[in-house]
Amino acid sequence: MMDRLADILAKAGAIGLLAMTLVVGWQVFGRFVLESSPSWSEQTALVLMIWYVFLAAGAGVWERFHIRIEILEQQFNSETRRRLRIAIHALIALMGLALLVFGTQLVWLVRDHVIPSLGISRAFAYIPIPVTGALISLFSIGRIRVRMAETK
């Protein structure tokens, strides 16, 4: 189930990147060819970027495609390395929890603010923060379970 969810998030992130590229392309075309860039394009690109970056970041926790430095952990034996990875994922789960809690507060605080060029609540732009926080925690706990099972 985690593999499928991470795959969906990564694909949604890729679609968001493609959509943002199209919006920015339209903005450049409008500015330099039509000499009138659309008023909605910049804010739309920013909202799309927030969404796809956070969705892909959540997927990255499960897929393990985030940057990490392995030089220290390679110095340890396999059991110590396993414990270190469990501790790292516990910290990542806590960071996900922080994103969930504080992201929810942010969404709540800006719910009445409107993005003028789009006419939508600013909260819409920030919804991925708490959602991704929950997913990061879930994926980290899943990774901890995988590491714990390595000894069995």
N, C-alpha and C. Protein backbone atom coordinates (compact mmCIF):
# COMPACT_ATOMS: atom_id res chain seq x y z
N MET A 1 0.82 -1.20 0.00
CA MET A 1 0.00 0.00 0.00
C MET A 1 0.87 1.27 0.00
N MET A 2 1.96 1.24 0.78
CA MET A 2 2.84 2.41 0.85
C MET A 2 3.49 2.68 -0.50
N ASP A 3 3.90 1.60 -1.19
CA ASP A 3 4.51 1.77 -2.52
C ASP A 3 3.53 2.44 -3.47
N ARG A 4 2.29 2.01 -3.43
CA ARG A 4 1.27 2.57 -4.33
C ARG A 4 1.00 4.04 -4.01
N LEU A 5 0.87 4.36 -2.72
CA LEU A 5 0.63 5.74 -2.31
C LEU A 5 1.80 6.65 -2.70
N ALA A 6 3.02 6.18 -2.47
CA ALA A 6 4.20 6.97 -2.85
C ALA A 6 4.26 7.16 -4.36
N ASP A 7 3.88 6.14 -5.11
CA ASP A 7 3.86 6.23 -6.56
C ASP A 7 2.84 7.27 -7.03
N ILE A 8 1.67 7.27 -6.41
CA ILE A 8 0.64 8.25 -6.74
C ILE A 8 1.14 9.67 -6.44
N LEU A 9 1.79 9.84 -5.29
CA LEU A 9 2.31 11.16 -4.94
C LEU A 9 3.38 11.62 -5.92
N ALA A 10 4.28 10.72 -6.30
CA ALA A 10 5.34 11.08 -7.24
C ALA A 10 4.74 11.45 -8.60
N LYS A 11 3.74 10.71 -9.03
CA LYS A 11 3.10 11.02 -10.32
C LYS A 11 2.33 12.35 -10.24
N ALA A 12 1.67 12.59 -9.11
CA ALA A 12 0.98 13.88 -8.94
C ALA A 12 1.99 15.02 -8.95
N GLY A 13 3.15 14.81 -8.33
CA GLY A 13 4.20 15.82 -8.36
C GLY A 13 4.69 16.08 -9.77
N ALA A 14 4.85 15.01 -10.55
CA ALA A 14 5.29 15.17 -11.94
C ALA A 14 4.26 15.92 -12.77
N ILE A 15 2.98 15.61 -12.55
CA ILE A 15 1.91 16.32 -13.26
C ILE A 15 1.91 17.80 -12.86
N GLY A 16 2.14 18.08 -11.57
CA GLY A 16 2.22 19.47 -11.11
C GLY A 16 3.37 20.22 -11.76
N LEU A 17 4.52 19.56 -11.87
CA LEU A 17 5.68 20.18 -12.52
C LEU A 17 5.37 20.47 -13.99
N LEU A 18 4.74 19.53 -14.66
CA LEU A 18 4.36 19.73 -16.06
C LEU A 18 3.37 20.89 -16.19
N ALA A 19 2.37 20.92 -15.31
CA ALA A 19 1.38 22.00 -15.35
C ALA A 19 2.04 23.35 -15.10
N MET A 20 2.95 23.40 -14.13
CA MET A 20 3.64 24.66 -13.85
C MET A 20 4.48 25.10 -15.06
N THR A 21 5.12 24.15 -15.71
CA THR A 21 5.92 24.46 -16.89
C THR A 21 5.04 25.05 -18.00
N LEU A 22 3.86 24.49 -18.17
CA LEU A 22 2.93 25.01 -19.18
C LEU A 22 2.46 26.43 -18.83
N VAL A 23 2.17 26.65 -17.55
CA VAL A 23 1.72 27.98 -17.11
C VAL A 23 2.82 29.02 -17.31
N VAL A 24 4.04 28.67 -16.93
CA VAL A 24 5.16 29.60 -17.09
C VAL A 24 5.44 29.82 -18.58
N GLY A 25 5.33 28.77 -19.36
CA GLY A 25 5.49 28.92 -20.81
C GLY A 25 4.47 29.87 -21.39
N TRP A 26 3.22 29.75 -20.94
CA TRP A 26 2.17 30.66 -21.40
C TRP A 26 2.46 32.09 -20.96
N GLN A 27 2.98 32.23 -19.73
CA GLN A 27 3.31 33.56 -19.22
C GLN A 27 4.41 34.20 -20.09
N VAL A 28 5.44 33.45 -20.41
CA VAL A 28 6.53 33.98 -21.25
C VAL A 28 6.03 34.31 -22.64
N PHE A 29 5.22 33.43 -23.21
CA PHE A 29 4.64 33.69 -24.53
C PHE A 29 3.80 34.97 -24.50
N GLY A 30 2.97 35.09 -23.46
CA GLY A 30 2.13 36.28 -23.33
C GLY A 30 2.95 37.55 -23.20
N ARG A 31 4.01 37.47 -22.39
CA ARG A 31 4.82 38.66 -22.14
C ARG A 31 5.59 39.10 -23.38
N PHE A 32 6.24 38.15 -24.07
CA PHE A 32 7.14 38.54 -25.15
C PHE A 32 6.51 38.50 -26.54
N VAL A 33 5.49 37.72 -26.72
CA VAL A 33 4.86 37.65 -28.04
C VAL A 33 3.59 38.51 -28.09
N LEU A 34 2.73 38.31 -27.11
CA LEU A 34 1.46 39.06 -27.08
C LEU A 34 1.60 40.42 -26.39
N GLU A 35 2.72 40.63 -25.74
CA GLU A 35 3.02 41.84 -24.97
C GLU A 35 1.98 42.10 -23.88
N SER A 36 1.43 41.04 -23.34
CA SER A 36 0.46 41.14 -22.25
C SER A 36 0.42 39.78 -21.53
N SER A 37 1.13 39.71 -20.42
CA SER A 37 1.15 38.43 -19.72
C SER A 37 -0.09 38.31 -18.84
N PRO A 38 -0.64 37.10 -18.74
CA PRO A 38 -1.87 36.91 -17.95
C PRO A 38 -1.61 37.19 -16.47
N SER A 39 -2.56 37.81 -15.82
CA SER A 39 -2.39 38.21 -14.41
C SER A 39 -2.38 37.01 -13.47
N TRP A 40 -2.96 35.91 -13.86
CA TRP A 40 -3.10 34.75 -13.00
C TRP A 40 -1.90 33.81 -13.05
N SER A 41 -1.05 33.96 -14.05
CA SER A 41 -0.03 32.94 -14.31
C SER A 41 1.03 32.83 -13.21
N GLU A 42 1.50 33.94 -12.68
CA GLU A 42 2.56 33.87 -11.67
C GLU A 42 2.07 33.19 -10.39
N GLN A 43 0.92 33.58 -9.89
CA GLN A 43 0.39 32.98 -8.66
C GLN A 43 0.01 31.52 -8.88
N THR A 44 -0.50 31.20 -10.06
CA THR A 44 -0.83 29.81 -10.37
C THR A 44 0.42 28.95 -10.35
N ALA A 45 1.50 29.45 -10.95
CA ALA A 45 2.76 28.71 -10.96
C ALA A 45 3.28 28.50 -9.54
N LEU A 46 3.16 29.52 -8.69
CA LEU A 46 3.63 29.39 -7.31
C LEU A 46 2.80 28.36 -6.52
N VAL A 47 1.50 28.40 -6.69
CA VAL A 47 0.64 27.43 -5.99
C VAL A 47 0.95 26.01 -6.47
N LEU A 48 1.09 25.84 -7.78
CA LEU A 48 1.43 24.52 -8.32
C LEU A 48 2.77 24.03 -7.78
N MET A 49 3.74 24.94 -7.67
CA MET A 49 5.05 24.55 -7.17
C MET A 49 4.97 24.09 -5.72
N ILE A 50 4.22 24.80 -4.89
CA ILE A 50 4.06 24.38 -3.50
C ILE A 50 3.47 22.98 -3.46
N TRP A 51 2.43 22.75 -4.25
CA TRP A 51 1.77 21.45 -4.25
C TRP A 51 2.71 20.35 -4.71
N TYR A 52 3.39 20.52 -5.86
CA TYR A 52 4.18 19.40 -6.37
C TYR A 52 5.44 19.15 -5.55
N VAL A 53 6.03 20.20 -5.00
CA VAL A 53 7.22 20.00 -4.18
C VAL A 53 6.88 19.21 -2.91
N PHE A 54 5.80 19.60 -2.25
CA PHE A 54 5.43 18.89 -1.02
C PHE A 54 4.99 17.45 -1.30
N LEU A 55 4.22 17.23 -2.36
CA LEU A 55 3.79 15.87 -2.67
C LEU A 55 5.00 14.98 -2.99
N ALA A 56 5.92 15.50 -3.78
CA ALA A 56 7.11 14.72 -4.12
C ALA A 56 8.00 14.50 -2.89
N ALA A 57 8.06 15.48 -2.00
CA ALA A 57 8.85 15.31 -0.77
C ALA A 57 8.28 14.19 0.09
N GLY A 58 6.97 14.11 0.18
CA GLY A 58 6.34 13.03 0.92
C GLY A 58 6.68 11.68 0.33
N ALA A 59 6.59 11.57 -1.00
CA ALA A 59 6.93 10.32 -1.68
C ALA A 59 8.39 9.96 -1.46
N GLY A 60 9.24 10.98 -1.41
CA GLY A 60 10.68 10.75 -1.25
C GLY A 60 11.05 10.06 0.05
N VAL A 61 10.25 10.25 1.08
CA VAL A 61 10.53 9.58 2.35
C VAL A 61 10.38 8.07 2.19
N TRP A 62 9.33 7.65 1.52
CA TRP A 62 9.13 6.21 1.33
C TRP A 62 10.08 5.65 0.27
N GLU A 63 10.25 6.38 -0.83
CA GLU A 63 11.08 5.90 -1.94
C GLU A 63 12.58 6.07 -1.68
N ARG A 64 12.93 6.83 -0.64
CA ARG A 64 14.33 7.07 -0.24
C ARG A 64 15.13 7.76 -1.35
N PHE A 65 14.52 8.76 -2.01
CA PHE A 65 15.28 9.48 -3.03
C PHE A 65 15.74 10.85 -2.56
N HIS A 66 15.69 11.08 -1.24
CA HIS A 66 16.25 12.31 -0.70
C HIS A 66 17.76 12.18 -0.58
N ILE A 67 18.43 13.30 -0.61
CA ILE A 67 19.89 13.32 -0.47
C ILE A 67 20.25 12.94 0.96
N ARG A 68 21.25 12.10 1.10
CA ARG A 68 21.76 11.77 2.42
C ARG A 68 23.24 11.48 2.30
N ILE A 69 23.94 11.66 3.38
CA ILE A 69 25.37 11.41 3.40
C ILE A 69 25.60 10.11 4.15
N GLU A 70 26.19 9.15 3.47
CA GLU A 70 26.35 7.82 4.03
C GLU A 70 27.72 7.55 4.62
N ILE A 71 28.62 8.49 4.53
CA ILE A 71 29.99 8.23 4.96
C ILE A 71 30.07 7.85 6.44
N LEU A 72 29.26 8.48 7.28
CA LEU A 72 29.28 8.15 8.70
C LEU A 72 28.69 6.77 8.96
N GLU A 73 27.54 6.50 8.38
CA GLU A 73 26.88 5.22 8.67
C GLU A 73 27.66 4.04 8.10
N GLN A 74 28.48 4.24 7.09
CA GLN A 74 29.29 3.15 6.54
C GLN A 74 30.41 2.72 7.50
N GLN A 75 30.68 3.54 8.50
CA GLN A 75 31.72 3.21 9.47
C GLN A 75 31.23 2.22 10.53
N PHE A 76 29.91 1.99 10.58
CA PHE A 76 29.33 1.14 11.61
C PHE A 76 29.04 -0.26 11.08
N ASN A 77 28.89 -1.19 12.03
CA ASN A 77 28.48 -2.53 11.64
C ASN A 77 26.99 -2.50 11.27
N SER A 78 26.50 -3.61 10.74
CA SER A 78 25.13 -3.61 10.20
C SER A 78 24.07 -3.35 11.27
N GLU A 79 24.25 -3.86 12.48
CA GLU A 79 23.25 -3.65 13.53
C GLU A 79 23.22 -2.19 13.98
N THR A 80 24.37 -1.59 14.15
CA THR A 80 24.43 -0.17 14.53
C THR A 80 23.86 0.69 13.41
N ARG A 81 24.17 0.33 12.17
CA ARG A 81 23.64 1.06 11.01
C ARG A 81 22.11 0.97 10.99
N ARG A 82 21.56 -0.19 11.28
CA ARG A 82 20.11 -0.38 11.32
C ARG A 82 19.49 0.50 12.41
N ARG A 83 20.11 0.53 13.58
CA ARG A 83 19.60 1.38 14.68
C ARG A 83 19.69 2.86 14.32
N LEU A 84 20.76 3.26 13.67
CA LEU A 84 20.92 4.65 13.25
C LEU A 84 19.81 5.02 12.27
N ARG A 85 19.51 4.16 11.33
CA ARG A 85 18.46 4.44 10.35
C ARG A 85 17.09 4.50 11.02
N ILE A 86 16.86 3.67 12.01
CA ILE A 86 15.60 3.74 12.78
C ILE A 86 15.50 5.08 13.49
N ALA A 87 16.60 5.50 14.12
CA ALA A 87 16.59 6.79 14.83
C ALA A 87 16.37 7.94 13.85
N ILE A 88 16.97 7.87 12.69
CA ILE A 88 16.79 8.92 11.69
C ILE A 88 15.33 8.98 11.24
N HIS A 89 14.74 7.81 11.02
CA HIS A 89 13.33 7.82 10.60
C HIS A 89 12.41 8.27 11.73
N ALA A 90 12.79 8.03 12.96
CA ALA A 90 12.00 8.54 14.08
C ALA A 90 12.04 10.07 14.09
N LEU A 91 13.21 10.64 13.82
CA LEU A 91 13.33 12.10 13.73
C LEU A 91 12.53 12.64 12.54
N ILE A 92 12.58 11.94 11.43
CA ILE A 92 11.82 12.38 10.26
C ILE A 92 10.33 12.32 10.56
N ALA A 93 9.89 11.29 11.27
CA ALA A 93 8.47 11.19 11.65
C ALA A 93 8.07 12.37 12.54
N LEU A 94 8.95 12.76 13.45
CA LEU A 94 8.66 13.93 14.30
C LEU A 94 8.59 15.21 13.47
N MET A 95 9.46 15.34 12.49
CA MET A 95 9.41 16.51 11.62
C MET A 95 8.12 16.51 10.80
N GLY A 96 7.69 15.34 10.37
CA GLY A 96 6.41 15.24 9.67
C GLY A 96 5.26 15.66 10.57
N LEU A 97 5.34 15.26 11.83
CA LEU A 97 4.31 15.65 12.79
C LEU A 97 4.30 17.17 12.98
N ALA A 98 5.49 17.77 13.02
CA ALA A 98 5.58 19.23 13.14
C ALA A 98 4.95 19.90 11.91
N LEU A 99 5.21 19.36 10.72
CA LEU A 99 4.58 19.91 9.51
C LEU A 99 3.06 19.77 9.58
N LEU A 100 2.60 18.66 10.10
CA LEU A 100 1.15 18.45 10.24
C LEU A 100 0.54 19.48 11.18
N VAL A 101 1.13 19.63 12.35
CA VAL A 101 0.56 20.53 13.36
C VAL A 101 0.67 22.00 12.92
N PHE A 102 1.88 22.43 12.59
CA PHE A 102 2.07 23.84 12.25
C PHE A 102 1.51 24.18 10.87
N GLY A 103 1.52 23.22 9.96
CA GLY A 103 0.89 23.44 8.65
C GLY A 103 -0.61 23.62 8.78
N THR A 104 -1.23 22.83 9.67
CA THR A 104 -2.67 22.99 9.92
C THR A 104 -2.96 24.36 10.50
N GLN A 105 -2.11 24.81 11.42
CA GLN A 105 -2.29 26.15 11.98
C GLN A 105 -2.16 27.22 10.90
N LEU A 106 -1.19 27.06 10.02
CA LEU A 106 -0.99 28.02 8.93
C LEU A 106 -2.21 28.06 8.02
N VAL A 107 -2.70 26.90 7.64
CA VAL A 107 -3.89 26.84 6.77
C VAL A 107 -5.06 27.55 7.45
N TRP A 108 -5.21 27.31 8.74
CA TRP A 108 -6.33 27.93 9.47
C TRP A 108 -6.16 29.45 9.54
N LEU A 109 -4.94 29.91 9.76
CA LEU A 109 -4.71 31.35 9.90
C LEU A 109 -4.93 32.12 8.60
N VAL A 110 -4.67 31.50 7.46
CA VAL A 110 -4.77 32.23 6.19
C VAL A 110 -6.04 31.89 5.41
N ARG A 111 -6.96 31.17 6.04
CA ARG A 111 -8.16 30.72 5.33
C ARG A 111 -9.00 31.88 4.80
N ASP A 112 -8.95 33.03 5.44
CA ASP A 112 -9.74 34.18 5.00
C ASP A 112 -9.01 35.07 4.00
N HIS A 113 -7.73 34.82 3.79
CA HIS A 113 -6.95 35.62 2.84
C HIS A 113 -7.18 35.07 1.43
N VAL A 114 -7.39 35.97 0.51
CA VAL A 114 -7.66 35.57 -0.86
C VAL A 114 -6.45 35.91 -1.73
N ILE A 115 -6.10 34.99 -2.62
CA ILE A 115 -5.07 35.27 -3.62
C ILE A 115 -5.76 36.12 -4.70
N PRO A 116 -5.45 37.41 -4.78
CA PRO A 116 -6.22 38.33 -5.63
C PRO A 116 -6.33 37.91 -7.08
N SER A 117 -5.24 37.47 -7.69
CA SER A 117 -5.29 37.15 -9.12
C SER A 117 -6.01 35.84 -9.41
N LEU A 118 -6.22 35.02 -8.37
CA LEU A 118 -6.90 33.74 -8.58
C LEU A 118 -8.29 33.69 -7.96
N GLY A 119 -8.52 34.55 -6.96
CA GLY A 119 -9.82 34.57 -6.30
C GLY A 119 -10.09 33.36 -5.42
N ILE A 120 -9.02 32.70 -4.95
CA ILE A 120 -9.18 31.54 -4.07
C ILE A 120 -8.48 31.81 -2.74
N SER A 121 -8.86 31.06 -1.74
CA SER A 121 -8.26 31.22 -0.42
C SER A 121 -6.78 30.84 -0.44
N ARG A 122 -5.98 31.60 0.28
CA ARG A 122 -4.56 31.30 0.41
C ARG A 122 -4.38 29.92 1.07
N ALA A 123 -5.36 29.50 1.86
CA ALA A 123 -5.28 28.19 2.52
C ALA A 123 -5.11 27.08 1.50
N PHE A 124 -5.73 27.23 0.32
CA PHE A 124 -5.61 26.21 -0.72
C PHE A 124 -4.15 25.97 -1.09
N ALA A 125 -3.36 27.02 -1.11
CA ALA A 125 -1.95 26.88 -1.46
C ALA A 125 -1.18 26.10 -0.40
N TYR A 126 -1.62 26.18 0.85
CA TYR A 126 -0.86 25.58 1.94
C TYR A 126 -1.40 24.25 2.44
N ILE A 127 -2.49 23.78 1.88
CA ILE A 127 -3.05 22.48 2.29
C ILE A 127 -2.03 21.34 2.17
N PRO A 128 -1.16 21.34 1.17
CA PRO A 128 -0.21 20.22 1.07
C PRO A 128 0.75 20.12 2.25
N ILE A 129 0.96 21.19 2.99
CA ILE A 129 1.92 21.14 4.10
C ILE A 129 1.46 20.16 5.18
N PRO A 130 0.26 20.31 5.75
CA PRO A 130 -0.13 19.33 6.77
C PRO A 130 -0.39 17.94 6.19
N VAL A 131 -0.90 17.87 4.98
CA VAL A 131 -1.14 16.56 4.36
C VAL A 131 0.19 15.82 4.19
N THR A 132 1.19 16.52 3.67
CA THR A 132 2.49 15.91 3.49
C THR A 132 3.13 15.57 4.83
N GLY A 133 2.93 16.41 5.83
CA GLY A 133 3.44 16.10 7.16
C GLY A 133 2.90 14.78 7.68
N ALA A 134 1.60 14.57 7.50
CA ALA A 134 1.00 13.30 7.92
C ALA A 134 1.58 12.14 7.13
N LEU A 135 1.75 12.34 5.82
CA LEU A 135 2.31 11.27 4.99
C LEU A 135 3.77 10.98 5.33
N ILE A 136 4.54 12.02 5.61
CA ILE A 136 5.94 11.82 5.99
C ILE A 136 6.01 11.00 7.28
N SER A 137 5.16 11.32 8.24
CA SER A 137 5.13 10.54 9.48
C SER A 137 4.74 9.09 9.20
N LEU A 138 3.72 8.91 8.40
CA LEU A 138 3.26 7.57 8.06
C LEU A 138 4.35 6.78 7.35
N PHE A 139 4.97 7.40 6.36
CA PHE A 139 6.04 6.71 5.62
C PHE A 139 7.24 6.41 6.51
N SER A 140 7.58 7.32 7.41
CA SER A 140 8.71 7.10 8.31
C SER A 140 8.43 5.94 9.26
N ILE A 141 7.22 5.88 9.77
CA ILE A 141 6.84 4.76 10.64
C ILE A 141 6.89 3.46 9.84
N GLY A 142 6.46 3.51 8.60
CA GLY A 142 6.56 2.33 7.74
C GLY A 142 7.99 1.90 7.53
N ARG A 143 8.89 2.86 7.34
CA ARG A 143 10.33 2.55 7.18
C ARG A 143 10.91 1.98 8.47
N ILE A 144 10.46 2.50 9.61
CA ILE A 144 10.92 1.95 10.90
C ILE A 144 10.48 0.50 11.01
N ARG A 145 9.26 0.21 10.62
CA ARG A 145 8.76 -1.17 10.68
C ARG A 145 9.59 -2.08 9.78
N VAL A 146 9.97 -1.59 8.60
CA VAL A 146 10.82 -2.37 7.69
C VAL A 146 12.16 -2.65 8.35
N ARG A 147 12.76 -1.64 8.96
CA ARG A 147 14.07 -1.81 9.62
C ARG A 147 13.97 -2.74 10.82
N MET A 148 12.89 -2.65 11.56
CA MET A 148 12.70 -3.52 12.75
C MET A 148 12.57 -4.99 12.30
N ALA A 149 11.95 -5.21 11.17
CA ALA A 149 11.74 -6.57 10.67
C ALA A 149 13.02 -7.19 10.13
N GLU A 150 14.04 -6.38 9.88
CA GLU A 150 15.30 -6.90 9.33
C GLU A 150 15.98 -7.88 10.28
N THR A 151 15.73 -7.79 11.57
CA THR A 151 16.40 -8.68 12.51
C THR A 151 15.63 -9.99 12.70
N LYS A 152 14.39 -10.02 12.27
CA LYS A 152 13.55 -11.21 12.48
C LYS A 152 13.74 -12.26 11.44
